[in-house]
Amino acid sequence: EIAMMTADILSKRNEPKINPDWRKLQKEIGDYCMNTRKQGQGITTIQNAIYNPIKLILDLRRVNDMTAEQVPVARKIFEF
């Protein structure tokens, strides 16, 4: 029983901490920010303008806490 508990803990430790679907969308958002910024605009400012509605609507403290189920909603917010 202890061996099974240990194996379960170790397998969870190897899982990605940030959802891979969110990572993909996050990269798309980053690319969008890089390609659309104007002179004098910071990438972080544009990124936060996208992330803040996502966090508010999905009730997230950090966007990296997003689940796989929340990613499609985040994508809709980004594409809006």
PDB file of N, CA and C in Angstrom:
ATOM      1  N   GLU A   1       0.827  -1.198   0.000  1.00  0.00           N
ATOM      2  CA  GLU A   1       0.000   0.000   0.000  1.00  0.00           C
ATOM      3  C   GLU A   1       0.871   1.263   0.000  1.00  0.00           C
ATOM      4  N   ILE A   2       1.907   1.270   0.824  1.00  0.00           N
ATOM      5  CA  ILE A   2       2.805   2.426   0.870  1.00  0.00           C
ATOM      6  C   ILE A   2       3.531   2.582  -0.458  1.00  0.00           C
ATOM      7  N   ALA A   3       3.916   1.463  -1.053  1.00  0.00           N
ATOM      8  CA  ALA A   3       4.599   1.521  -2.349  1.00  0.00           C
ATOM      9  C   ALA A   3       3.690   2.119  -3.416  1.00  0.00           C
ATOM     10  N   MET A   4       2.406   1.777  -3.378  1.00  0.00           N
ATOM     11  CA  MET A   4       1.466   2.321  -4.358  1.00  0.00           C
ATOM     12  C   MET A   4       1.252   3.818  -4.134  1.00  0.00           C
ATOM     13  N   MET A   5       1.177   4.222  -2.874  1.00  0.00           N
ATOM     14  CA  MET A   5       1.028   5.642  -2.567  1.00  0.00           C
ATOM     15  C   MET A   5       2.253   6.420  -3.039  1.00  0.00           C
ATOM     16  N   THR A   6       3.423   5.854  -2.810  1.00  0.00           N
ATOM     17  CA  THR A   6       4.664   6.495  -3.242  1.00  0.00           C
ATOM     18  C   THR A   6       4.712   6.607  -4.760  1.00  0.00           C
ATOM     19  N   ALA A   7       4.338   5.543  -5.450  1.00  0.00           N
ATOM     20  CA  ALA A   7       4.329   5.564  -6.915  1.00  0.00           C
ATOM     21  C   ALA A   7       3.348   6.612  -7.431  1.00  0.00           C
ATOM     22  N   ASP A   8       2.196   6.741  -6.786  1.00  0.00           N
ATOM     23  CA  ASP A   8       1.199   7.734  -7.188  1.00  0.00           C
ATOM     24  C   ASP A   8       1.738   9.150  -7.003  1.00  0.00           C
ATOM     25  N   ILE A   9       2.372   9.392  -5.880  1.00  0.00           N
ATOM     26  CA  ILE A   9       2.953  10.715  -5.611  1.00  0.00           C
ATOM     27  C   ILE A   9       4.042  11.036  -6.628  1.00  0.00           C
ATOM     28  N   LEU A  10       4.896  10.064  -6.912  1.00  0.00           N
ATOM     29  CA  LEU A  10       5.975  10.295  -7.872  1.00  0.00           C
ATOM     30  C   LEU A  10       5.449  10.521  -9.279  1.00  0.00           C
ATOM     31  N   SER A  11       4.405   9.820  -9.663  1.00  0.00           N
ATOM     32  CA  SER A  11       3.862  10.020 -11.009  1.00  0.00           C
ATOM     33  C   SER A  11       3.226  11.401 -11.137  1.00  0.00           C
ATOM     34  N   LYS A  12       2.603  11.891 -10.084  1.00  0.00           N
ATOM     35  CA  LYS A  12       2.014  13.230 -10.115  1.00  0.00           C
ATOM     36  C   LYS A  12       3.091  14.304 -10.147  1.00  0.00           C
ATOM     37  N   ARG A  13       4.232  14.020  -9.548  1.00  0.00           N
ATOM     38  CA  ARG A  13       5.321  14.987  -9.540  1.00  0.00           C
ATOM     39  C   ARG A  13       5.867  15.204 -10.949  1.00  0.00           C
ATOM     40  N   ASN A  14       5.778  14.185 -11.794  1.00  0.00           N
ATOM     41  CA  ASN A  14       6.296  14.283 -13.153  1.00  0.00           C
ATOM     42  C   ASN A  14       5.304  14.899 -14.134  1.00  0.00           C
ATOM     43  N   GLU A  15       4.067  15.111 -13.712  1.00  0.00           N
ATOM     44  CA  GLU A  15       3.073  15.730 -14.585  1.00  0.00           C
ATOM     45  C   GLU A  15       3.410  17.208 -14.758  1.00  0.00           C
ATOM     46  N   PRO A  16       3.094  17.763 -15.921  1.00  0.00           N
ATOM     47  CA  PRO A  16       3.355  19.196 -16.099  1.00  0.00           C
ATOM     48  C   PRO A  16       2.506  20.019 -15.135  1.00  0.00           C
ATOM     49  N   LYS A  17       3.117  21.018 -14.533  1.00  0.00           N
ATOM     50  CA  LYS A  17       2.404  21.838 -13.567  1.00  0.00           C
ATOM     51  C   LYS A  17       1.499  22.853 -14.263  1.00  0.00           C
ATOM     52  N   ILE A  18       1.857  23.230 -15.478  1.00  0.00           N
ATOM     53  CA  ILE A  18       1.050  24.169 -16.254  1.00  0.00           C
ATOM     54  C   ILE A  18       0.447  23.404 -17.422  1.00  0.00           C
ATOM     55  N   ASN A  19      -0.845  23.571 -17.607  1.00  0.00           N
ATOM     56  CA  ASN A  19      -1.569  22.842 -18.642  1.00  0.00           C
ATOM     57  C   ASN A  19      -0.954  23.091 -20.020  1.00  0.00           C
ATOM     58  N   PRO A  20      -0.643  22.030 -20.774  1.00  0.00           N
ATOM     59  CA  PRO A  20      -0.021  22.194 -22.094  1.00  0.00           C
ATOM     60  C   PRO A  20      -0.898  22.956 -23.091  1.00  0.00           C
ATOM     61  N   ASP A  21      -2.222  22.801 -22.996  1.00  0.00           N
ATOM     62  CA  ASP A  21      -3.113  23.557 -23.882  1.00  0.00           C
ATOM     63  C   ASP A  21      -3.023  25.053 -23.586  1.00  0.00           C
ATOM     64  N   TRP A  22      -2.903  25.383 -22.294  1.00  0.00           N
ATOM     65  CA  TRP A  22      -2.738  26.787 -21.924  1.00  0.00           C
ATOM     66  C   TRP A  22      -1.386  27.299 -22.418  1.00  0.00           C
ATOM     67  N   ARG A  23      -0.351  26.488 -22.304  1.00  0.00           N
ATOM     68  CA  ARG A  23       0.984  26.890 -22.796  1.00  0.00           C
ATOM     69  C   ARG A  23       0.915  27.274 -24.272  1.00  0.00           C
ATOM     70  N   LYS A  24       0.192  26.483 -25.055  1.00  0.00           N
ATOM     71  CA  LYS A  24       0.062  26.749 -26.490  1.00  0.00           C
ATOM     72  C   LYS A  24      -0.656  28.081 -26.723  1.00  0.00           C
ATOM     73  N   LEU A  25      -1.772  28.292 -26.031  1.00  0.00           N
ATOM     74  CA  LEU A  25      -2.509  29.543 -26.172  1.00  0.00           C
ATOM     75  C   LEU A  25      -1.671  30.718 -25.666  1.00  0.00           C
ATOM     76  N   GLN A  26      -0.955  30.504 -24.597  1.00  0.00           N
ATOM     77  CA  GLN A  26      -0.097  31.546 -24.032  1.00  0.00           C
ATOM     78  C   GLN A  26       0.952  31.995 -25.055  1.00  0.00           C
ATOM     79  N   LYS A  27       1.509  31.044 -25.789  1.00  0.00           N
ATOM     80  CA  LYS A  27       2.485  31.379 -26.829  1.00  0.00           C
ATOM     81  C   LYS A  27       1.817  32.175 -27.942  1.00  0.00           C
ATOM     82  N   GLU A  28       0.611  31.781 -28.333  1.00  0.00           N
ATOM     83  CA  GLU A  28      -0.122  32.521 -29.366  1.00  0.00           C
ATOM     84  C   GLU A  28      -0.392  33.959 -28.916  1.00  0.00           C
ATOM     85  N   ILE A  29      -0.758  34.123 -27.660  1.00  0.00           N
ATOM     86  CA  ILE A  29      -1.001  35.464 -27.128  1.00  0.00           C
ATOM     87  C   ILE A  29       0.297  36.269 -27.136  1.00  0.00           C
ATOM     88  N   GLY A  30       1.390  35.648 -26.728  1.00  0.00           N
ATOM     89  CA  GLY A  30       2.688  36.325 -26.742  1.00  0.00           C
ATOM     90  C   GLY A  30       3.100  36.753 -28.141  1.00  0.00           C
ATOM     91  N   ASP A  31       2.902  35.869 -29.107  1.00  0.00           N
ATOM     92  CA  ASP A  31       3.216  36.201 -30.505  1.00  0.00           C
ATOM     93  C   ASP A  31       2.346  37.360 -30.990  1.00  0.00           C
ATOM     94  N   TYR A  32       1.072  37.318 -30.645  1.00  0.00           N
ATOM     95  CA  TYR A  32       0.157  38.398 -31.027  1.00  0.00           C
ATOM     96  C   TYR A  32       0.640  39.731 -30.441  1.00  0.00           C
ATOM     97  N   CYS A  33       1.031  39.715 -29.184  1.00  0.00           N
ATOM     98  CA  CYS A  33       1.499  40.941 -28.529  1.00  0.00           C
ATOM     99  C   CYS A  33       2.752  41.482 -29.212  1.00  0.00           C
ATOM    100  N   MET A  34       3.656  40.595 -29.577  1.00  0.00           N
ATOM    101  CA  MET A  34       4.889  41.012 -30.256  1.00  0.00           C
ATOM    102  C   MET A  34       4.583  41.622 -31.617  1.00  0.00           C
ATOM    103  N   ASN A  35       3.644  41.045 -32.337  1.00  0.00           N
ATOM    104  CA  ASN A  35       3.366  41.468 -33.709  1.00  0.00           C
ATOM    105  C   ASN A  35       2.462  42.692 -33.816  1.00  0.00           C
ATOM    106  N   THR A  36       1.716  43.010 -32.773  1.00  0.00           N
ATOM    107  CA  THR A  36       0.759  44.114 -32.876  1.00  0.00           C
ATOM    108  C   THR A  36       1.150  45.339 -32.070  1.00  0.00           C
ATOM    109  N   ARG A  37       2.200  45.261 -31.300  1.00  0.00           N
ATOM    110  CA  ARG A  37       2.545  46.416 -30.465  1.00  0.00           C
ATOM    111  C   ARG A  37       3.015  47.580 -31.323  1.00  0.00           C
ATOM    112  N   LYS A  38       2.757  48.757 -30.807  1.00  0.00           N
ATOM    113  CA  LYS A  38       3.162  49.983 -31.489  1.00  0.00           C
ATOM    114  C   LYS A  38       4.330  50.598 -30.724  1.00  0.00           C
ATOM    115  N   GLN A  39       4.965  51.540 -31.352  1.00  0.00           N
ATOM    116  CA  GLN A  39       6.087  52.234 -30.721  1.00  0.00           C
ATOM    117  C   GLN A  39       5.672  52.764 -29.349  1.00  0.00           C
ATOM    118  N   GLY A  40       6.453  52.465 -28.350  1.00  0.00           N
ATOM    119  CA  GLY A  40       6.180  52.957 -27.007  1.00  0.00           C
ATOM    120  C   GLY A  40       5.279  52.065 -26.174  1.00  0.00           C
ATOM    121  N   GLN A  41       4.712  51.038 -26.769  1.00  0.00           N
ATOM    122  CA  GLN A  41       3.861  50.113 -26.013  1.00  0.00           C
ATOM    123  C   GLN A  41       4.695  48.938 -25.533  1.00  0.00           C
ATOM    124  N   GLY A  42       4.518  48.590 -24.290  1.00  0.00           N
ATOM    125  CA  GLY A  42       5.196  47.426 -23.761  1.00  0.00           C
ATOM    126  C   GLY A  42       4.402  46.161 -24.023  1.00  0.00           C
ATOM    127  N   ILE A  43       5.108  45.083 -24.277  1.00  0.00           N
ATOM    128  CA  ILE A  43       4.453  43.800 -24.522  1.00  0.00           C
ATOM    129  C   ILE A  43       3.652  43.374 -23.298  1.00  0.00           C
ATOM    130  N   THR A  44       4.206  43.612 -22.122  1.00  0.00           N
ATOM    131  CA  THR A  44       3.527  43.219 -20.891  1.00  0.00           C
ATOM    132  C   THR A  44       2.198  43.953 -20.730  1.00  0.00           C
ATOM    133  N   THR A  45       2.149  45.208 -21.133  1.00  0.00           N
ATOM    134  CA  THR A  45       0.908  45.979 -21.042  1.00  0.00           C
ATOM    135  C   THR A  45      -0.177  45.354 -21.909  1.00  0.00           C
ATOM    136  N   ILE A  46       0.182  44.987 -23.129  1.00  0.00           N
ATOM    137  CA  ILE A  46      -0.778  44.357 -24.039  1.00  0.00           C
ATOM    138  C   ILE A  46      -1.197  42.993 -23.494  1.00  0.00           C
ATOM    139  N   GLN A  47      -0.214  42.241 -23.016  1.00  0.00           N
ATOM    140  CA  GLN A  47      -0.474  40.909 -22.473  1.00  0.00           C
ATOM    141  C   GLN A  47      -1.440  40.992 -21.285  1.00  0.00           C
ATOM    142  N   ASN A  48      -1.207  41.940 -20.396  1.00  0.00           N
ATOM    143  CA  ASN A  48      -2.089  42.094 -19.235  1.00  0.00           C
ATOM    144  C   ASN A  48      -3.501  42.497 -19.641  1.00  0.00           C
ATOM    145  N   ALA A  49      -3.620  43.265 -20.719  1.00  0.00           N
ATOM    146  CA  ALA A  49      -4.945  43.649 -21.211  1.00  0.00           C
ATOM    147  C   ALA A  49      -5.723  42.424 -21.692  1.00  0.00           C
ATOM    148  N   ILE A  50      -5.019  41.388 -22.091  1.00  0.00           N
ATOM    149  CA  ILE A  50      -5.659  40.135 -22.514  1.00  0.00           C
ATOM    150  C   ILE A  50      -5.857  39.209 -21.316  1.00  0.00           C
ATOM    151  N   TYR A  51      -4.836  39.099 -20.467  1.00  0.00           N
ATOM    152  CA  TYR A  51      -4.896  38.174 -19.333  1.00  0.00           C
ATOM    153  C   TYR A  51      -5.922  38.590 -18.278  1.00  0.00           C
ATOM    154  N   ASN A  52      -6.060  39.894 -18.022  1.00  0.00           N
ATOM    155  CA  ASN A  52      -6.967  40.327 -16.950  1.00  0.00           C
ATOM    156  C   ASN A  52      -8.416  39.902 -17.181  1.00  0.00           C
ATOM    157  N   PRO A  53      -8.996  40.070 -18.372  1.00  0.00           N
ATOM    158  CA  PRO A  53     -10.367  39.562 -18.571  1.00  0.00           C
ATOM    159  C   PRO A  53     -10.451  38.039 -18.435  1.00  0.00           C
ATOM    160  N   ILE A  54      -9.420  37.345 -18.894  1.00  0.00           N
ATOM    161  CA  ILE A  54      -9.402  35.882 -18.760  1.00  0.00           C
ATOM    162  C   ILE A  54      -9.445  35.500 -17.287  1.00  0.00           C
ATOM    163  N   LYS A  55      -8.595  36.136 -16.485  1.00  0.00           N
ATOM    164  CA  LYS A  55      -8.557  35.829 -15.052  1.00  0.00           C
ATOM    165  C   LYS A  55      -9.878  36.182 -14.378  1.00  0.00           C
ATOM    166  N   LEU A  56     -10.459  37.302 -14.752  1.00  0.00           N
ATOM    167  CA  LEU A  56     -11.711  37.736 -14.139  1.00  0.00           C
ATOM    168  C   LEU A  56     -12.856  36.782 -14.468  1.00  0.00           C
ATOM    169  N   ILE A  57     -13.008  36.449 -15.737  1.00  0.00           N
ATOM    170  CA  ILE A  57     -14.123  35.600 -16.158  1.00  0.00           C
ATOM    171  C   ILE A  57     -13.976  34.172 -15.632  1.00  0.00           C
ATOM    172  N   LEU A  58     -12.745  33.659 -15.615  1.00  0.00           N
ATOM    173  CA  LEU A  58     -12.528  32.287 -15.152  1.00  0.00           C
ATOM    174  C   LEU A  58     -12.246  32.199 -13.652  1.00  0.00           C
ATOM    175  N   ASP A  59     -12.268  33.350 -12.975  1.00  0.00           N
ATOM    176  CA  ASP A  59     -12.027  33.409 -11.530  1.00  0.00           C
ATOM    177  C   ASP A  59     -10.692  32.756 -11.164  1.00  0.00           C
ATOM    178  N   LEU A  60      -9.638  33.208 -11.835  1.00  0.00           N
ATOM    179  CA  LEU A  60      -8.297  32.687 -11.592  1.00  0.00           C
ATOM    180  C   LEU A  60      -7.442  33.746 -10.913  1.00  0.00           C
ATOM    181  N   ARG A  61      -6.622  33.304 -10.007  1.00  0.00           N
ATOM    182  CA  ARG A  61      -5.646  34.221  -9.412  1.00  0.00           C
ATOM    183  C   ARG A  61      -4.449  34.364 -10.348  1.00  0.00           C
ATOM    184  N   ARG A  62      -4.051  33.241 -10.946  1.00  0.00           N
ATOM    185  CA  ARG A  62      -2.934  33.211 -11.892  1.00  0.00           C
ATOM    186  C   ARG A  62      -3.389  32.469 -13.143  1.00  0.00           C
ATOM    187  N   VAL A  63      -3.044  32.980 -14.323  1.00  0.00           N
ATOM    188  CA  VAL A  63      -3.456  32.306 -15.554  1.00  0.00           C
ATOM    189  C   VAL A  63      -2.823  30.924 -15.671  1.00  0.00           C
ATOM    190  N   ASN A  64      -1.669  30.722 -15.065  1.00  0.00           N
ATOM    191  CA  ASN A  64      -1.005  29.420 -15.139  1.00  0.00           C
ATOM    192  C   ASN A  64      -1.714  28.343 -14.323  1.00  0.00           C
ATOM    193  N   ASP A  65      -2.728  28.727 -13.553  1.00  0.00           N
ATOM    194  CA  ASP A  65      -3.525  27.752 -12.799  1.00  0.00           C
ATOM    195  C   ASP A  65      -4.691  27.213 -13.626  1.00  0.00           C
ATOM    196  N   MET A  66      -4.761  27.610 -14.882  1.00  0.00           N
ATOM    197  CA  MET A  66      -5.873  27.242 -15.753  1.00  0.00           C
ATOM    198  C   MET A  66      -5.932  25.731 -15.994  1.00  0.00           C
ATOM    199  N   THR A  67      -7.152  25.202 -16.020  1.00  0.00           N
ATOM    200  CA  THR A  67      -7.361  23.784 -16.306  1.00  0.00           C
ATOM    201  C   THR A  67      -7.621  23.598 -17.801  1.00  0.00           C
ATOM    202  N   ALA A  68      -7.590  22.359 -18.237  1.00  0.00           N
ATOM    203  CA  ALA A  68      -7.847  22.048 -19.650  1.00  0.00           C
ATOM    204  C   ALA A  68      -9.259  22.471 -20.051  1.00  0.00           C
ATOM    205  N   GLU A  69     -10.208  22.383 -19.131  1.00  0.00           N
ATOM    206  CA  GLU A  69     -11.586  22.757 -19.424  1.00  0.00           C
ATOM    207  C   GLU A  69     -11.740  24.266 -19.605  1.00  0.00           C
ATOM    208  N   GLN A  70     -10.868  25.041 -18.986  1.00  0.00           N
ATOM    209  CA  GLN A  70     -10.964  26.495 -19.056  1.00  0.00           C
ATOM    210  C   GLN A  70     -10.285  27.081 -20.295  1.00  0.00           C
ATOM    211  N   VAL A  71      -9.384  26.335 -20.907  1.00  0.00           N
ATOM    212  CA  VAL A  71      -8.624  26.851 -22.050  1.00  0.00           C
ATOM    213  C   VAL A  71      -9.528  27.273 -23.213  1.00  0.00           C
ATOM    214  N   PRO A  72     -10.549  26.488 -23.603  1.00  0.00           N
ATOM    215  CA  PRO A  72     -11.412  26.949 -24.706  1.00  0.00           C
ATOM    216  C   PRO A  72     -12.110  28.282 -24.415  1.00  0.00           C
ATOM    217  N   VAL A  73     -12.493  28.502 -23.165  1.00  0.00           N
ATOM    218  CA  VAL A  73     -13.119  29.773 -22.793  1.00  0.00           C
ATOM    219  C   VAL A  73     -12.091  30.897 -22.902  1.00  0.00           C
ATOM    220  N   ALA A  74     -10.876  30.636 -22.434  1.00  0.00           N
ATOM    221  CA  ALA A  74      -9.805  31.633 -22.533  1.00  0.00           C
ATOM    222  C   ALA A  74      -9.525  31.972 -23.993  1.00  0.00           C
ATOM    223  N   ARG A  75      -9.553  30.974 -24.852  1.00  0.00           N
ATOM    224  CA  ARG A  75      -9.324  31.213 -26.285  1.00  0.00           C
ATOM    225  C   ARG A  75     -10.420  32.113 -26.862  1.00  0.00           C
ATOM    226  N   LYS A  76     -11.668  31.857 -26.477  1.00  0.00           N
ATOM    227  CA  LYS A  76     -12.776  32.693 -26.960  1.00  0.00           C
ATOM    228  C   LYS A  76     -12.603  34.141 -26.502  1.00  0.00           C
ATOM    229  N   ILE A  77     -12.170  34.321 -25.272  1.00  0.00           N
ATOM    230  CA  ILE A  77     -11.938  35.671 -24.750  1.00  0.00           C
ATOM    231  C   ILE A  77     -10.825  36.345 -25.550  1.00  0.00           C
ATOM    232  N   PHE A  78      -9.748  35.633 -25.798  1.00  0.00           N
ATOM    233  CA  PHE A  78      -8.623  36.175 -26.562  1.00  0.00           C
ATOM    234  C   PHE A  78      -9.040  36.530 -27.981  1.00  0.00           C
ATOM    235  N   GLU A  79      -9.821  35.678 -28.612  1.00  0.00           N
ATOM    236  CA  GLU A  79     -10.202  35.901 -30.004  1.00  0.00           C
ATOM    237  C   GLU A  79     -11.317  36.933 -30.150  1.00  0.00           C
ATOM    238  N   PHE A  80     -11.960  37.310 -29.040  1.00  0.00           N
ATOM    239  CA  PHE A  80     -13.022  38.304 -29.086  1.00  0.00           C
ATOM    240  C   PHE A  80     -12.411  39.646 -29.399  1.00  0.00           C
TER     241      PHE A  80
END
